[in-house]
Amino acid sequence: MNLELNKKRNINYFQIALKSASETLYWLALLKEIDTNKEEIDNLVQECVEIKKIVSTIILNTKSNSKF
């Protein structure tokens, strides 16, 4: 398989992961409104934010190393 095609496919997968992490943050914000365990939810939010940063960095690095 072409290396560039493989990179494009990987970027697409990571973009889907990034959107999923954003959706998770949305649901955690809703849950925080109705749940009493706000500290636990805040910990999950922080982990999700860190995951988004990691995935975003992977996307940017992969794009900068590609020819498209």
N, C-alpha and C. Protein backbone atom coordinates (compact mmCIF):
# COMPACT_ATOMS: atom_id res chain seq x y z
N MET A 1 0.84 -1.18 0.00
CA MET A 1 0.00 0.00 0.00
C MET A 1 0.88 1.24 0.00
N ASN A 2 0.45 2.22 -0.71
CA ASN A 2 1.18 3.48 -0.82
C ASN A 2 1.32 4.12 0.56
N LEU A 3 2.52 4.59 0.87
CA LEU A 3 2.79 5.19 2.17
C LEU A 3 1.94 6.43 2.42
N GLU A 4 1.78 7.27 1.39
CA GLU A 4 0.97 8.48 1.54
C GLU A 4 -0.49 8.15 1.79
N LEU A 5 -0.99 7.13 1.12
CA LEU A 5 -2.37 6.70 1.34
C LEU A 5 -2.54 6.18 2.76
N ASN A 6 -1.55 5.48 3.24
CA ASN A 6 -1.57 4.96 4.60
C ASN A 6 -1.59 6.11 5.62
N LYS A 7 -0.80 7.16 5.36
CA LYS A 7 -0.78 8.33 6.24
C LYS A 7 -2.14 9.02 6.25
N LYS A 8 -2.75 9.17 5.07
CA LYS A 8 -4.07 9.79 4.99
C LYS A 8 -5.09 8.99 5.79
N ARG A 9 -5.02 7.68 5.66
CA ARG A 9 -5.94 6.80 6.39
C ARG A 9 -5.73 6.95 7.89
N ASN A 10 -4.48 7.00 8.33
CA ASN A 10 -4.20 7.17 9.75
C ASN A 10 -4.70 8.52 10.27
N ILE A 11 -4.50 9.56 9.47
CA ILE A 11 -4.99 10.89 9.86
C ILE A 11 -6.51 10.85 10.02
N ASN A 12 -7.20 10.19 9.09
CA ASN A 12 -8.66 10.08 9.20
C ASN A 12 -9.06 9.37 10.48
N TYR A 13 -8.37 8.29 10.83
CA TYR A 13 -8.68 7.57 12.06
C TYR A 13 -8.47 8.45 13.29
N PHE A 14 -7.38 9.20 13.29
CA PHE A 14 -7.12 10.07 14.43
C PHE A 14 -8.10 11.24 14.50
N GLN A 15 -8.56 11.72 13.35
CA GLN A 15 -9.57 12.78 13.36
C GLN A 15 -10.89 12.27 13.94
N ILE A 16 -11.22 11.05 13.64
CA ILE A 16 -12.41 10.44 14.23
C ILE A 16 -12.23 10.31 15.74
N ALA A 17 -11.05 9.90 16.18
CA ALA A 17 -10.77 9.80 17.61
C ALA A 17 -10.88 11.16 18.29
N LEU A 18 -10.42 12.20 17.63
CA LEU A 18 -10.49 13.55 18.17
C LEU A 18 -11.95 13.99 18.32
N LYS A 19 -12.77 13.69 17.33
CA LYS A 19 -14.19 14.02 17.41
C LYS A 19 -14.86 13.23 18.54
N SER A 20 -14.47 11.99 18.70
CA SER A 20 -15.03 11.18 19.78
C SER A 20 -14.66 11.73 21.15
N ALA A 21 -13.44 12.20 21.28
CA ALA A 21 -13.00 12.80 22.54
C ALA A 21 -13.79 14.09 22.82
N SER A 22 -14.05 14.86 21.79
CA SER A 22 -14.86 16.07 21.96
C SER A 22 -16.28 15.72 22.39
N GLU A 23 -16.83 14.68 21.80
CA GLU A 23 -18.17 14.25 22.19
C GLU A 23 -18.17 13.74 23.63
N THR A 24 -17.12 13.05 24.03
CA THR A 24 -17.00 12.58 25.40
C THR A 24 -17.00 13.75 26.38
N LEU A 25 -16.27 14.82 26.03
CA LEU A 25 -16.26 16.01 26.89
C LEU A 25 -17.66 16.60 27.02
N TYR A 26 -18.41 16.60 25.94
CA TYR A 26 -19.79 17.09 25.98
C TYR A 26 -20.62 16.28 26.97
N TRP A 27 -20.54 14.96 26.87
CA TRP A 27 -21.33 14.11 27.75
C TRP A 27 -20.88 14.21 29.19
N LEU A 28 -19.59 14.38 29.41
CA LEU A 28 -19.10 14.57 30.77
C LEU A 28 -19.62 15.88 31.37
N ALA A 29 -19.71 16.92 30.54
CA ALA A 29 -20.24 18.19 31.02
C ALA A 29 -21.70 18.03 31.42
N LEU A 30 -22.47 17.30 30.64
CA LEU A 30 -23.87 17.04 31.00
C LEU A 30 -23.97 16.21 32.27
N LEU A 31 -23.13 15.20 32.37
CA LEU A 31 -23.14 14.34 33.55
C LEU A 31 -22.78 15.13 34.81
N LYS A 32 -21.88 16.05 34.67
CA LYS A 32 -21.45 16.87 35.81
C LYS A 32 -22.62 17.69 36.38
N GLU A 33 -23.55 18.06 35.51
CA GLU A 33 -24.72 18.83 35.94
C GLU A 33 -25.65 18.02 36.82
N ILE A 34 -25.69 16.69 36.63
CA ILE A 34 -26.65 15.87 37.38
C ILE A 34 -26.01 14.93 38.40
N ASP A 35 -24.71 14.79 38.36
CA ASP A 35 -24.02 13.84 39.25
C ASP A 35 -23.41 14.60 40.43
N THR A 36 -23.36 13.92 41.56
CA THR A 36 -22.78 14.55 42.75
C THR A 36 -21.28 14.30 42.87
N ASN A 37 -20.75 13.39 42.09
CA ASN A 37 -19.33 13.05 42.16
C ASN A 37 -18.54 13.91 41.17
N LYS A 38 -18.55 15.21 41.39
CA LYS A 38 -17.93 16.15 40.44
C LYS A 38 -16.42 16.00 40.36
N GLU A 39 -15.78 15.60 41.45
CA GLU A 39 -14.32 15.44 41.43
C GLU A 39 -13.91 14.32 40.47
N GLU A 40 -14.64 13.22 40.51
CA GLU A 40 -14.35 12.10 39.60
C GLU A 40 -14.56 12.53 38.15
N ILE A 41 -15.62 13.27 37.90
CA ILE A 41 -15.90 13.74 36.54
C ILE A 41 -14.81 14.71 36.09
N ASP A 42 -14.38 15.59 36.99
CA ASP A 42 -13.29 16.53 36.65
C ASP A 42 -12.02 15.78 36.26
N ASN A 43 -11.74 14.68 36.96
CA ASN A 43 -10.57 13.85 36.62
C ASN A 43 -10.71 13.26 35.22
N LEU A 44 -11.92 12.79 34.90
CA LEU A 44 -12.17 12.23 33.57
C LEU A 44 -12.06 13.30 32.49
N VAL A 45 -12.55 14.49 32.79
CA VAL A 45 -12.44 15.60 31.85
C VAL A 45 -10.98 15.91 31.57
N GLN A 46 -10.17 15.96 32.62
CA GLN A 46 -8.75 16.26 32.46
C GLN A 46 -8.06 15.20 31.61
N GLU A 47 -8.39 13.93 31.85
CA GLU A 47 -7.80 12.85 31.05
C GLU A 47 -8.21 12.98 29.59
N CYS A 48 -9.47 13.32 29.36
CA CYS A 48 -9.97 13.47 27.99
C CYS A 48 -9.28 14.63 27.29
N VAL A 49 -9.08 15.72 27.99
CA VAL A 49 -8.38 16.88 27.42
C VAL A 49 -6.95 16.49 27.04
N GLU A 50 -6.29 15.72 27.89
CA GLU A 50 -4.93 15.27 27.59
C GLU A 50 -4.92 14.35 26.37
N ILE A 51 -5.91 13.48 26.26
CA ILE A 51 -6.00 12.59 25.10
C ILE A 51 -6.18 13.42 23.83
N LYS A 52 -7.04 14.45 23.90
CA LYS A 52 -7.24 15.32 22.73
C LYS A 52 -5.95 16.01 22.32
N LYS A 53 -5.16 16.44 23.29
CA LYS A 53 -3.88 17.09 22.97
C LYS A 53 -2.94 16.12 22.28
N ILE A 54 -2.88 14.91 22.78
CA ILE A 54 -2.00 13.89 22.19
C ILE A 54 -2.42 13.57 20.76
N VAL A 55 -3.72 13.33 20.57
CA VAL A 55 -4.22 12.99 19.24
C VAL A 55 -4.02 14.16 18.28
N SER A 56 -4.26 15.38 18.75
CA SER A 56 -4.04 16.56 17.90
C SER A 56 -2.58 16.67 17.47
N THR A 57 -1.68 16.41 18.39
CA THR A 57 -0.25 16.45 18.07
C THR A 57 0.11 15.39 17.04
N ILE A 58 -0.46 14.21 17.18
CA ILE A 58 -0.20 13.14 16.21
C ILE A 58 -0.68 13.56 14.83
N ILE A 59 -1.87 14.15 14.77
CA ILE A 59 -2.42 14.60 13.47
C ILE A 59 -1.51 15.65 12.86
N LEU A 60 -1.14 16.65 13.64
CA LEU A 60 -0.30 17.73 13.11
C LEU A 60 1.05 17.21 12.65
N ASN A 61 1.67 16.33 13.43
CA ASN A 61 2.98 15.79 13.06
C ASN A 61 2.88 14.93 11.81
N THR A 62 1.83 14.15 11.70
CA THR A 62 1.66 13.30 10.52
C THR A 62 1.42 14.16 9.28
N LYS A 63 0.61 15.20 9.42
CA LYS A 63 0.37 16.10 8.28
C LYS A 63 1.64 16.84 7.87
N SER A 64 2.42 17.27 8.82
CA SER A 64 3.63 18.01 8.48
C SER A 64 4.70 17.12 7.84
N ASN A 65 4.61 15.83 8.09
CA ASN A 65 5.56 14.88 7.50
C ASN A 65 5.04 14.28 6.20
N SER A 66 3.89 14.76 5.72
CA SER A 66 3.30 14.22 4.51
C SER A 66 3.39 15.22 3.37
N LYS A 67 3.09 14.76 2.18
CA LYS A 67 3.18 15.61 1.00
C LYS A 67 1.82 16.11 0.53
N PHE A 68 0.78 15.95 1.33
CA PHE A 68 -0.53 16.41 0.87
C PHE A 68 -1.01 17.58 1.64
